[in-house]
PDB file of N, CA and C in Angstrom:
ATOM      1  N   MET A   1      16.986 -23.102 -36.324  1.00  0.00           N
ATOM      2  CA  MET A   1      17.562 -22.611 -37.699  1.00  0.00           C
ATOM      3  C   MET A   1      18.496 -21.208 -37.583  1.00  0.00           C
ATOM      4  N   PHE A   2      18.223 -20.790 -36.471  1.00  0.00           N
ATOM      5  CA  PHE A   2      19.139 -19.502 -36.290  1.00  0.00           C
ATOM      6  C   PHE A   2      20.707 -19.904 -36.060  1.00  0.00           C
ATOM      7  N   THR A   3      20.555 -20.745 -35.014  1.00  0.00           N
ATOM      8  CA  THR A   3      21.964 -21.326 -34.724  1.00  0.00           C
ATOM      9  C   THR A   3      22.747 -21.985 -36.071  1.00  0.00           C
ATOM     10  N   THR A   4      21.895 -22.755 -36.492  1.00  0.00           N
ATOM     11  CA  THR A   4      22.516 -23.383 -37.784  1.00  0.00           C
ATOM     12  C   THR A   4      22.897 -22.306 -38.686  1.00  0.00           C
ATOM     13  N   ALA A   5      22.004 -21.259 -38.837  1.00  0.00           N
ATOM     14  CA  ALA A   5      22.737 -20.214 -40.001  1.00  0.00           C
ATOM     15  C   ALA A   5      23.832 -19.460 -39.451  1.00  0.00           C
ATOM     16  N   VAL A   6      23.597 -19.186 -38.248  1.00  0.00           N
ATOM     17  CA  VAL A   6      24.963 -18.531 -37.557  1.00  0.00           C
ATOM     18  C   VAL A   6      26.217 -19.157 -37.768  1.00  0.00           C
ATOM     19  N   GLU A   7      25.983 -20.551 -37.311  1.00  0.00           N
ATOM     20  CA  GLU A   7      27.363 -21.325 -37.245  1.00  0.00           C
ATOM     21  C   GLU A   7      27.740 -21.842 -38.388  1.00  0.00           C
ATOM     22  N   ASN A   8      27.322 -21.900 -39.547  1.00  0.00           N
ATOM     23  CA  ASN A   8      27.611 -22.029 -40.838  1.00  0.00           C
ATOM     24  C   ASN A   8      27.895 -20.478 -41.854  1.00  0.00           C
ATOM     25  N   ASN A   9      27.527 -19.860 -41.185  1.00  0.00           N
ATOM     26  CA  ASN A   9      27.686 -18.390 -41.716  1.00  0.00           C
ATOM     27  C   ASN A   9      27.065 -18.486 -42.896  1.00  0.00           C
ATOM     28  N   SER A  10      25.870 -18.872 -43.127  1.00  0.00           N
ATOM     29  CA  SER A  10      25.068 -19.048 -44.347  1.00  0.00           C
ATOM     30  C   SER A  10      24.716 -17.669 -44.722  1.00  0.00           C
ATOM     31  N   THR A  11      24.143 -18.032 -46.187  1.00  0.00           N
ATOM     32  CA  THR A  11      23.676 -16.173 -46.883  1.00  0.00           C
ATOM     33  C   THR A  11      22.085 -16.402 -46.560  1.00  0.00           C
ATOM     34  N   THR A  12      21.478 -17.232 -45.979  1.00  0.00           N
ATOM     35  CA  THR A  12      19.753 -17.225 -45.974  1.00  0.00           C
ATOM     36  C   THR A  12      19.705 -17.640 -44.729  1.00  0.00           C
ATOM     37  N   GLY A  13      18.265 -17.291 -44.089  1.00  0.00           N
ATOM     38  CA  GLY A  13      17.797 -17.419 -42.914  1.00  0.00           C
ATOM     39  C   GLY A  13      18.164 -16.245 -41.974  1.00  0.00           C
ATOM     40  N   ALA A  14      17.872 -16.220 -40.780  1.00  0.00           N
ATOM     41  CA  ALA A  14      17.508 -15.242 -39.638  1.00  0.00           C
ATOM     42  C   ALA A  14      19.294 -14.860 -39.269  1.00  0.00           C
ATOM     43  N   GLY A  15      20.096 -15.676 -39.472  1.00  0.00           N
ATOM     44  CA  GLY A  15      21.343 -15.432 -39.250  1.00  0.00           C
ATOM     45  C   GLY A  15      22.259 -15.074 -40.673  1.00  0.00           C
ATOM     46  N   ALA A  16      21.712 -14.433 -41.493  1.00  0.00           N
ATOM     47  CA  ALA A  16      22.445 -14.245 -42.934  1.00  0.00           C
ATOM     48  C   ALA A  16      22.650 -12.499 -42.916  1.00  0.00           C
ATOM     49  N   ARG A  17      22.065 -11.835 -42.028  1.00  0.00           N
ATOM     50  CA  ARG A  17      22.443 -10.157 -41.844  1.00  0.00           C
ATOM     51  C   ARG A  17      23.529 -10.341 -40.672  1.00  0.00           C
ATOM     52  N   TRP A  18      24.779  -9.965 -41.256  1.00  0.00           N
ATOM     53  CA  TRP A  18      25.919  -9.688 -40.252  1.00  0.00           C
ATOM     54  C   TRP A  18      26.235  -8.090 -40.352  1.00  0.00           C
ATOM     55  N   ARG A  19      26.315  -7.694 -39.252  1.00  0.00           N
ATOM     56  CA  ARG A  19      26.620  -6.375 -38.882  1.00  0.00           C
ATOM     57  C   ARG A  19      27.950  -6.315 -37.975  1.00  0.00           C
ATOM     58  N   GLY A  20      28.816  -6.334 -38.536  1.00  0.00           N
ATOM     59  CA  GLY A  20      30.095  -6.325 -37.642  1.00  0.00           C
ATOM     60  C   GLY A  20      30.464  -7.248 -36.397  1.00  0.00           C
ATOM     61  N   GLY A  21      30.169  -8.537 -37.283  1.00  0.00           N
ATOM     62  CA  GLY A  21      30.186  -9.710 -36.287  1.00  0.00           C
ATOM     63  C   GLY A  21      28.757  -9.887 -35.749  1.00  0.00           C
ATOM     64  N   GLY A  22      27.986  -9.298 -35.520  1.00  0.00           N
ATOM     65  CA  GLY A  22      26.520  -9.871 -35.108  1.00  0.00           C
ATOM     66  C   GLY A  22      25.456  -9.332 -35.787  1.00  0.00           C
ATOM     67  N   VAL A  23      24.508 -10.029 -35.307  1.00  0.00           N
ATOM     68  CA  VAL A  23      22.949 -10.071 -35.958  1.00  0.00           C
ATOM     69  C   VAL A  23      22.233  -8.976 -35.421  1.00  0.00           C
ATOM     70  N   ARG A  24      21.705  -8.226 -36.319  1.00  0.00           N
ATOM     71  CA  ARG A  24      20.503  -7.220 -35.428  1.00  0.00           C
ATOM     72  C   ARG A  24      19.458  -7.854 -35.175  1.00  0.00           C
ATOM     73  N   GLY A  25      18.522  -7.297 -34.126  1.00  0.00           N
ATOM     74  CA  GLY A  25      17.542  -7.787 -33.524  1.00  0.00           C
ATOM     75  C   GLY A  25      16.427  -7.365 -34.769  1.00  0.00           C
ATOM     76  N   SER A  26      16.506  -6.662 -35.255  1.00  0.00           N
ATOM     77  CA  SER A  26      15.519  -6.356 -36.524  1.00  0.00           C
ATOM     78  C   SER A  26      15.530  -7.189 -37.778  1.00  0.00           C
ATOM     79  N   ASP A  27      16.693  -7.949 -37.969  1.00  0.00           N
ATOM     80  CA  ASP A  27      16.969  -8.817 -39.081  1.00  0.00           C
ATOM     81  C   ASP A  27      15.930 -10.156 -38.853  1.00  0.00           C
ATOM     82  N   ILE A  28      16.314 -10.284 -37.455  1.00  0.00           N
ATOM     83  CA  ILE A  28      15.784 -11.660 -36.834  1.00  0.00           C
ATOM     84  C   ILE A  28      13.956 -11.533 -36.796  1.00  0.00           C
ATOM     85  N   ILE A  29      13.547 -10.317 -36.492  1.00  0.00           N
ATOM     86  CA  ILE A  29      12.131 -10.063 -36.382  1.00  0.00           C
ATOM     87  C   ILE A  29      11.583 -10.387 -37.832  1.00  0.00           C
ATOM     88  N   VAL A  30      12.256  -9.544 -38.835  1.00  0.00           N
ATOM     89  CA  VAL A  30      11.717  -9.542 -40.393  1.00  0.00           C
ATOM     90  C   VAL A  30      11.819 -10.733 -40.850  1.00  0.00           C
ATOM     91  N   GLU A  31      12.657 -11.642 -40.596  1.00  0.00           N
ATOM     92  CA  GLU A  31      12.830 -13.227 -40.835  1.00  0.00           C
ATOM     93  C   GLU A  31      11.971 -13.850 -40.471  1.00  0.00           C
ATOM     94  N   MET A  32      11.579 -13.600 -39.138  1.00  0.00           N
ATOM     95  CA  MET A  32      10.408 -14.578 -38.412  1.00  0.00           C
ATOM     96  C   MET A  32       9.059 -13.955 -39.058  1.00  0.00           C
ATOM     97  N   LEU A  33       8.774 -12.682 -39.462  1.00  0.00           N
ATOM     98  CA  LEU A  33       7.632 -12.642 -39.900  1.00  0.00           C
ATOM     99  C   LEU A  33       7.401 -13.175 -41.319  1.00  0.00           C
ATOM    100  N   ILE A  34       8.541 -13.238 -41.835  1.00  0.00           N
ATOM    101  CA  ILE A  34       8.297 -13.553 -43.455  1.00  0.00           C
ATOM    102  C   ILE A  34       7.906 -15.187 -43.243  1.00  0.00           C
ATOM    103  N   GLU A  35       8.746 -15.808 -42.210  1.00  0.00           N
ATOM    104  CA  GLU A  35       8.472 -17.132 -42.052  1.00  0.00           C
ATOM    105  C   GLU A  35       6.956 -17.413 -41.456  1.00  0.00           C
ATOM    106  N   TYR A  36       6.410 -16.451 -40.899  1.00  0.00           N
ATOM    107  CA  TYR A  36       4.913 -16.655 -40.363  1.00  0.00           C
ATOM    108  C   TYR A  36       3.875 -16.393 -41.455  1.00  0.00           C
ATOM    109  N   GLY A  37       4.423 -15.911 -42.477  1.00  0.00           N
ATOM    110  CA  GLY A  37       3.597 -15.525 -43.636  1.00  0.00           C
ATOM    111  C   GLY A  37       3.111 -14.422 -43.771  1.00  0.00           C
ATOM    112  N   VAL A  38       3.747 -13.214 -43.315  1.00  0.00           N
ATOM    113  CA  VAL A  38       3.376 -11.827 -43.301  1.00  0.00           C
ATOM    114  C   VAL A  38       4.157 -11.044 -44.674  1.00  0.00           C
ATOM    115  N   GLU A  39       3.008 -10.633 -45.338  1.00  0.00           N
ATOM    116  CA  GLU A  39       3.627  -9.947 -46.705  1.00  0.00           C
ATOM    117  C   GLU A  39       3.614  -8.577 -46.698  1.00  0.00           C
ATOM    118  N   HIS A  40       2.458  -7.629 -45.816  1.00  0.00           N
ATOM    119  CA  HIS A  40       2.628  -6.594 -45.864  1.00  0.00           C
ATOM    120  C   HIS A  40       2.717  -6.038 -44.233  1.00  0.00           C
ATOM    121  N   VAL A  41       3.397  -4.874 -44.249  1.00  0.00           N
ATOM    122  CA  VAL A  41       3.652  -4.073 -42.597  1.00  0.00           C
ATOM    123  C   VAL A  41       2.995  -3.036 -43.157  1.00  0.00           C
ATOM    124  N   PHE A  42       1.958  -2.482 -42.481  1.00  0.00           N
ATOM    125  CA  PHE A  42       1.440  -1.042 -42.347  1.00  0.00           C
ATOM    126  C   PHE A  42       2.073  -0.499 -41.126  1.00  0.00           C
ATOM    127  N   GLY A  43       2.162   1.085 -41.784  1.00  0.00           N
ATOM    128  CA  GLY A  43       2.989   1.721 -40.433  1.00  0.00           C
ATOM    129  C   GLY A  43       3.591   2.948 -40.945  1.00  0.00           C
ATOM    130  N   VAL A  44       4.161   3.471 -39.943  1.00  0.00           N
ATOM    131  CA  VAL A  44       4.867   5.194 -39.872  1.00  0.00           C
ATOM    132  C   VAL A  44       6.191   4.962 -39.500  1.00  0.00           C
ATOM    133  N   ALA A  45       6.983   5.408 -40.417  1.00  0.00           N
ATOM    134  CA  ALA A  45       8.471   5.500 -39.799  1.00  0.00           C
ATOM    135  C   ALA A  45       8.656   6.134 -38.825  1.00  0.00           C
ATOM    136  N   GLY A  46       9.502   6.153 -37.832  1.00  0.00           N
ATOM    137  CA  GLY A  46      10.029   6.818 -36.740  1.00  0.00           C
ATOM    138  C   GLY A  46      11.370   6.685 -36.275  1.00  0.00           C
ATOM    139  N   ASP A  47      11.794   7.582 -35.361  1.00  0.00           N
ATOM    140  CA  ASP A  47      13.176   7.403 -35.149  1.00  0.00           C
ATOM    141  C   ASP A  47      13.429   6.189 -34.338  1.00  0.00           C
ATOM    142  N   THR A  48      12.665   5.577 -33.586  1.00  0.00           N
ATOM    143  CA  THR A  48      12.880   4.244 -32.788  1.00  0.00           C
ATOM    144  C   THR A  48      12.837   2.992 -33.562  1.00  0.00           C
ATOM    145  N   SER A  49      12.261   3.328 -34.944  1.00  0.00           N
ATOM    146  CA  SER A  49      12.325   2.018 -35.868  1.00  0.00           C
ATOM    147  C   SER A  49      13.124   2.258 -36.910  1.00  0.00           C
ATOM    148  N   ILE A  50      14.083   2.738 -36.882  1.00  0.00           N
ATOM    149  CA  ILE A  50      14.919   3.140 -38.117  1.00  0.00           C
ATOM    150  C   ILE A  50      15.561   1.652 -38.565  1.00  0.00           C
ATOM    151  N   SER A  51      16.386   0.705 -37.488  1.00  0.00           N
ATOM    152  CA  SER A  51      16.714  -0.589 -37.903  1.00  0.00           C
ATOM    153  C   SER A  51      16.117  -1.301 -38.598  1.00  0.00           C
ATOM    154  N   LEU A  52      14.465  -1.057 -38.081  1.00  0.00           N
ATOM    155  CA  LEU A  52      13.474  -2.328 -38.816  1.00  0.00           C
ATOM    156  C   LEU A  52      13.242  -1.771 -39.659  1.00  0.00           C
ATOM    157  N   TYR A  53      13.213  -0.591 -40.330  1.00  0.00           N
ATOM    158  CA  TYR A  53      13.121  -0.257 -41.825  1.00  0.00           C
ATOM    159  C   TYR A  53      14.192  -0.727 -42.390  1.00  0.00           C
ATOM    160  N   GLU A  54      15.100  -0.652 -42.210  1.00  0.00           N
ATOM    161  CA  GLU A  54      16.649  -1.028 -42.704  1.00  0.00           C
ATOM    162  C   GLU A  54      16.531  -2.392 -43.193  1.00  0.00           C
ATOM    163  N   SER A  55      16.097  -3.207 -42.502  1.00  0.00           N
ATOM    164  CA  SER A  55      15.792  -4.454 -42.336  1.00  0.00           C
ATOM    165  C   SER A  55      14.738  -4.770 -43.374  1.00  0.00           C
ATOM    166  N   LEU A  56      13.685  -4.011 -43.272  1.00  0.00           N
ATOM    167  CA  LEU A  56      12.359  -4.256 -44.252  1.00  0.00           C
ATOM    168  C   LEU A  56      12.826  -3.795 -45.490  1.00  0.00           C
ATOM    169  N   HIS A  57      13.858  -3.141 -45.738  1.00  0.00           N
ATOM    170  CA  HIS A  57      14.140  -2.600 -47.203  1.00  0.00           C
ATOM    171  C   HIS A  57      15.136  -3.655 -47.717  1.00  0.00           C
ATOM    172  N   GLU A  58      16.131  -4.473 -46.713  1.00  0.00           N
ATOM    173  CA  GLU A  58      16.554  -5.407 -47.048  1.00  0.00           C
ATOM    174  C   GLU A  58      16.014  -6.712 -47.624  1.00  0.00           C
ATOM    175  N   ARG A  59      14.523  -6.777 -47.183  1.00  0.00           N
ATOM    176  CA  ARG A  59      14.228  -7.900 -47.611  1.00  0.00           C
ATOM    177  C   ARG A  59      13.060  -7.472 -48.267  1.00  0.00           C
ATOM    178  N   GLN A  60      12.731  -6.560 -49.273  1.00  0.00           N
ATOM    179  CA  GLN A  60      11.997  -5.908 -49.856  1.00  0.00           C
ATOM    180  C   GLN A  60      11.358  -6.942 -50.647  1.00  0.00           C
ATOM    181  N   ASP A  61      12.085  -7.901 -51.143  1.00  0.00           N
ATOM    182  CA  ASP A  61      11.509  -8.836 -51.960  1.00  0.00           C
ATOM    183  C   ASP A  61      10.537  -9.881 -51.843  1.00  0.00           C
ATOM    184  N   ARG A  62      10.515  -9.928 -50.132  1.00  0.00           N
ATOM    185  CA  ARG A  62       9.527 -11.285 -49.624  1.00  0.00           C
ATOM    186  C   ARG A  62       8.628 -10.293 -48.468  1.00  0.00           C
ATOM    187  N   ILE A  63       8.994  -8.754 -48.349  1.00  0.00           N
ATOM    188  CA  ILE A  63       7.834  -8.429 -47.349  1.00  0.00           C
ATOM    189  C   ILE A  63       7.893  -6.801 -48.042  1.00  0.00           C
ATOM    190  N   THR A  64       6.858  -6.300 -47.627  1.00  0.00           N
ATOM    191  CA  THR A  64       6.468  -5.035 -48.403  1.00  0.00           C
ATOM    192  C   THR A  64       5.802  -3.911 -47.022  1.00  0.00           C
ATOM    193  N   HIS A  65       6.526  -2.766 -46.953  1.00  0.00           N
ATOM    194  CA  HIS A  65       5.911  -1.881 -46.081  1.00  0.00           C
ATOM    195  C   HIS A  65       5.029  -0.690 -46.791  1.00  0.00           C
ATOM    196  N   VAL A  66       3.970  -0.541 -46.049  1.00  0.00           N
ATOM    197  CA  VAL A  66       3.169   0.187 -46.922  1.00  0.00           C
ATOM    198  C   VAL A  66       3.123   1.550 -46.011  1.00  0.00           C
ATOM    199  N   LEU A  67       3.491   2.541 -46.271  1.00  0.00           N
ATOM    200  CA  LEU A  67       3.444   3.787 -45.462  1.00  0.00           C
ATOM    201  C   LEU A  67       2.286   4.228 -45.504  1.00  0.00           C
ATOM    202  N   CYS A  68       1.752   4.866 -44.135  1.00  0.00           N
ATOM    203  CA  CYS A  68       0.415   5.151 -43.926  1.00  0.00           C
ATOM    204  C   CYS A  68       0.852   6.761 -43.468  1.00  0.00           C
ATOM    205  N   ARG A  69      -0.311   7.543 -43.511  1.00  0.00           N
ATOM    206  CA  ARG A  69      -0.335   8.776 -43.054  1.00  0.00           C
ATOM    207  C   ARG A  69      -0.049   8.951 -41.695  1.00  0.00           C
ATOM    208  N   ASP A  70      -0.838   8.047 -40.869  1.00  0.00           N
ATOM    209  CA  ASP A  70      -0.415   8.308 -39.459  1.00  0.00           C
ATOM    210  C   ASP A  70      -0.954   6.888 -38.562  1.00  0.00           C
ATOM    211  N   GLU A  71      -0.358   6.747 -37.561  1.00  0.00           N
ATOM    212  CA  GLU A  71      -1.014   5.386 -36.812  1.00  0.00           C
ATOM    213  C   GLU A  71      -2.165   4.873 -36.926  1.00  0.00           C
ATOM    214  N   ARG A  72      -3.036   5.704 -36.776  1.00  0.00           N
ATOM    215  CA  ARG A  72      -4.360   5.448 -36.936  1.00  0.00           C
ATOM    216  C   ARG A  72      -4.690   4.553 -38.312  1.00  0.00           C
ATOM    217  N   SER A  73      -4.378   5.469 -39.171  1.00  0.00           N
ATOM    218  CA  SER A  73      -4.707   4.727 -40.748  1.00  0.00           C
ATOM    219  C   SER A  73      -4.121   3.542 -40.648  1.00  0.00           C
ATOM    220  N   ALA A  74      -2.855   3.475 -40.217  1.00  0.00           N
ATOM    221  CA  ALA A  74      -1.935   2.185 -40.004  1.00  0.00           C
ATOM    222  C   ALA A  74      -2.698   1.128 -39.774  1.00  0.00           C
ATOM    223  N   SER A  75      -3.004   1.148 -38.227  1.00  0.00           N
ATOM    224  CA  SER A  75      -3.823   0.384 -37.875  1.00  0.00           C
ATOM    225  C   SER A  75      -5.427  -0.173 -38.502  1.00  0.00           C
ATOM    226  N   TYR A  76      -5.903   0.599 -38.996  1.00  0.00           N
ATOM    227  CA  TYR A  76      -7.153   0.258 -39.687  1.00  0.00           C
ATOM    228  C   TYR A  76      -7.056  -0.438 -41.214  1.00  0.00           C
ATOM    229  N   ALA A  77      -5.694   0.188 -41.804  1.00  0.00           N
ATOM    230  CA  ALA A  77      -5.442  -0.499 -43.169  1.00  0.00           C
ATOM    231  C   ALA A  77      -5.005  -1.866 -42.547  1.00  0.00           C
ATOM    232  N   ALA A  78      -4.381  -2.271 -41.507  1.00  0.00           N
ATOM    233  CA  ALA A  78      -3.843  -3.721 -41.114  1.00  0.00           C
ATOM    234  C   ALA A  78      -5.119  -4.523 -40.962  1.00  0.00           C
ATOM    235  N   ASP A  79      -5.876  -3.762 -40.247  1.00  0.00           N
ATOM    236  CA  ASP A  79      -7.348  -4.516 -39.829  1.00  0.00           C
ATOM    237  C   ASP A  79      -8.081  -4.947 -40.980  1.00  0.00           C
ATOM    238  N   ALA A  80      -8.144  -4.011 -41.927  1.00  0.00           N
ATOM    239  CA  ALA A  80      -8.692  -4.213 -43.413  1.00  0.00           C
ATOM    240  C   ALA A  80      -8.315  -5.291 -44.168  1.00  0.00           C
ATOM    241  N   TYR A  81      -7.100  -5.421 -44.065  1.00  0.00           N
ATOM    242  CA  TYR A  81      -6.158  -6.261 -45.173  1.00  0.00           C
ATOM    243  C   TYR A  81      -6.325  -7.742 -44.585  1.00  0.00           C
ATOM    244  N   ALA A  82      -6.224  -7.756 -43.091  1.00  0.00           N
ATOM    245  CA  ALA A  82      -6.543  -9.254 -42.541  1.00  0.00           C
ATOM    246  C   ALA A  82      -7.839  -9.555 -42.530  1.00  0.00           C
ATOM    247  N   ARG A  83      -8.840  -8.432 -42.552  1.00  0.00           N
ATOM    248  CA  ARG A  83     -10.206  -9.200 -42.888  1.00  0.00           C
ATOM    249  C   ARG A  83     -10.621  -9.696 -44.215  1.00  0.00           C
ATOM    250  N   LEU A  84     -10.055  -8.966 -45.223  1.00  0.00           N
ATOM    251  CA  LEU A  84     -10.168  -8.926 -46.419  1.00  0.00           C
ATOM    252  C   LEU A  84      -9.496 -10.328 -47.189  1.00  0.00           C
ATOM    253  N   THR A  85      -8.256 -10.423 -46.774  1.00  0.00           N
ATOM    254  CA  THR A  85      -7.710 -11.353 -47.361  1.00  0.00           C
ATOM    255  C   THR A  85      -7.483 -12.697 -46.523  1.00  0.00           C
ATOM    256  N   PHE A  86      -7.381 -12.546 -44.958  1.00  0.00           N
ATOM    257  CA  PHE A  86      -7.424 -13.568 -44.269  1.00  0.00           C
ATOM    258  C   PHE A  86      -5.966 -14.089 -44.296  1.00  0.00           C
ATOM    259  N   LYS A  87      -4.999 -13.160 -44.116  1.00  0.00           N
ATOM    260  CA  LYS A  87      -3.713 -13.138 -44.152  1.00  0.00           C
ATOM    261  C   LYS A  87      -3.592 -12.049 -43.089  1.00  0.00           C
ATOM    262  N   PRO A  88      -2.173 -12.202 -42.242  1.00  0.00           N
ATOM    263  CA  PRO A  88      -1.861 -11.532 -40.978  1.00  0.00           C
ATOM    264  C   PRO A  88      -1.699  -9.775 -41.735  1.00  0.00           C
ATOM    265  N   GLY A  89      -2.363  -9.133 -40.665  1.00  0.00           N
ATOM    266  CA  GLY A  89      -2.571  -7.930 -41.060  1.00  0.00           C
ATOM    267  C   GLY A  89      -1.621  -7.180 -39.881  1.00  0.00           C
ATOM    268  N   LEU A  90      -0.228  -6.631 -40.058  1.00  0.00           N
ATOM    269  CA  LEU A  90       0.824  -6.098 -39.026  1.00  0.00           C
ATOM    270  C   LEU A  90       0.862  -4.623 -39.313  1.00  0.00           C
ATOM    271  N   CYS A  91       0.824  -3.931 -37.941  1.00  0.00           N
ATOM    272  CA  CYS A  91       0.953  -2.706 -37.847  1.00  0.00           C
ATOM    273  C   CYS A  91       1.948  -2.328 -37.083  1.00  0.00           C
ATOM    274  N   GLU A  92       2.674  -1.201 -37.552  1.00  0.00           N
ATOM    275  CA  GLU A  92       4.109  -1.134 -37.152  1.00  0.00           C
ATOM    276  C   GLU A  92       3.950   0.587 -36.721  1.00  0.00           C
ATOM    277  N   SER A  93       4.169   1.002 -35.350  1.00  0.00           N
ATOM    278  CA  SER A  93       4.285   2.368 -35.184  1.00  0.00           C
ATOM    279  C   SER A  93       5.112   2.624 -34.124  1.00  0.00           C
ATOM    280  N   PRO A  94       6.027   4.145 -33.971  1.00  0.00           N
ATOM    281  CA  PRO A  94       7.048   4.278 -33.284  1.00  0.00           C
ATOM    282  C   PRO A  94       6.530   4.107 -31.956  1.00  0.00           C
ATOM    283  N   SER A  95       7.291   4.008 -30.758  1.00  0.00           N
ATOM    284  CA  SER A  95       6.985   4.184 -29.711  1.00  0.00           C
ATOM    285  C   SER A  95       6.726   5.526 -29.186  1.00  0.00           C
ATOM    286  N   GLY A  96       6.096   5.722 -28.111  1.00  0.00           N
ATOM    287  CA  GLY A  96       5.854   7.098 -27.581  1.00  0.00           C
ATOM    288  C   GLY A  96       4.137   7.145 -27.466  1.00  0.00           C
ATOM    289  N   GLY A  97       3.919   8.075 -27.593  1.00  0.00           N
ATOM    290  CA  GLY A  97       2.677   8.566 -27.390  1.00  0.00           C
ATOM    291  C   GLY A  97       1.477   8.220 -28.508  1.00  0.00           C
ATOM    292  N   SER A  98       2.050   8.517 -29.473  1.00  0.00           N
ATOM    293  CA  SER A  98       1.389   8.082 -31.101  1.00  0.00           C
ATOM    294  C   SER A  98       0.989   6.837 -31.094  1.00  0.00           C
ATOM    295  N   THR A  99       1.591   5.544 -30.414  1.00  0.00           N
ATOM    296  CA  THR A  99       1.091   4.496 -30.108  1.00  0.00           C
ATOM    297  C   THR A  99      -0.138   4.391 -29.637  1.00  0.00           C
ATOM    298  N   CYS A 100      -0.893   5.394 -28.620  1.00  0.00           N
ATOM    299  CA  CYS A 100      -2.142   5.234 -28.711  1.00  0.00           C
ATOM    300  C   CYS A 100      -3.102   5.669 -29.499  1.00  0.00           C
ATOM    301  N   LEU A 101      -2.929   6.108 -30.673  1.00  0.00           N
ATOM    302  CA  LEU A 101      -3.551   6.152 -31.691  1.00  0.00           C
ATOM    303  C   LEU A 101      -3.920   4.926 -32.423  1.00  0.00           C
ATOM    304  N   THR A 102      -3.358   3.838 -32.212  1.00  0.00           N
ATOM    305  CA  THR A 102      -3.783   2.663 -32.720  1.00  0.00           C
ATOM    306  C   THR A 102      -4.934   1.804 -31.887  1.00  0.00           C
ATOM    307  N   ILE A 103      -5.072   2.294 -30.867  1.00  0.00           N
ATOM    308  CA  ILE A 103      -6.146   1.799 -29.793  1.00  0.00           C
ATOM    309  C   ILE A 103      -7.623   1.319 -30.395  1.00  0.00           C
ATOM    310  N   ASN A 104      -8.081   2.447 -31.294  1.00  0.00           N
ATOM    311  CA  ASN A 104      -9.504   2.269 -32.078  1.00  0.00           C
ATOM    312  C   ASN A 104      -9.458   1.343 -32.815  1.00  0.00           C
ATOM    313  N   ALA A 105      -8.548   0.850 -33.468  1.00  0.00           N
ATOM    314  CA  ALA A 105      -8.561  -0.240 -34.420  1.00  0.00           C
ATOM    315  C   ALA A 105      -8.549  -1.564 -33.548  1.00  0.00           C
ATOM    316  N   TRP A 106      -7.664  -1.628 -32.579  1.00  0.00           N
ATOM    317  CA  TRP A 106      -7.821  -2.772 -31.527  1.00  0.00           C
ATOM    318  C   TRP A 106      -9.031  -3.092 -31.197  1.00  0.00           C
ATOM    319  N   ARG A 107      -9.783  -2.109 -30.810  1.00  0.00           N
ATOM    320  CA  ARG A 107     -11.446  -2.314 -30.240  1.00  0.00           C
ATOM    321  C   ARG A 107     -12.320  -3.184 -31.151  1.00  0.00           C
ATOM    322  N   SER A 108     -12.111  -2.506 -32.346  1.00  0.00           N
ATOM    323  CA  SER A 108     -13.052  -2.939 -33.669  1.00  0.00           C
ATOM    324  C   SER A 108     -12.622  -4.580 -34.185  1.00  0.00           C
TER     325      SER A 108
END
């Protein structure tokens, strides 16, 4: 699908978001998440994930970001969402030491 969208310069699919002659990796990731049925992303905004948040904002009609207080809360929220709805629960956190806060939810 990606090559077809890029070759045809279509307005839908993973190749739809053009930035100066190229496609951002975050656009491809968001499109992939949508295709996998992810409806909500729980997380905390950070300087390393700004392009991801731009892509999420552009596709807010299909995928919603839930801003949480910290990474630990985001990981528990994603876990609870997945257990209660039987849908994918996705937790996003900035890179760095704060990622260690998500480990407790991984264990349970």
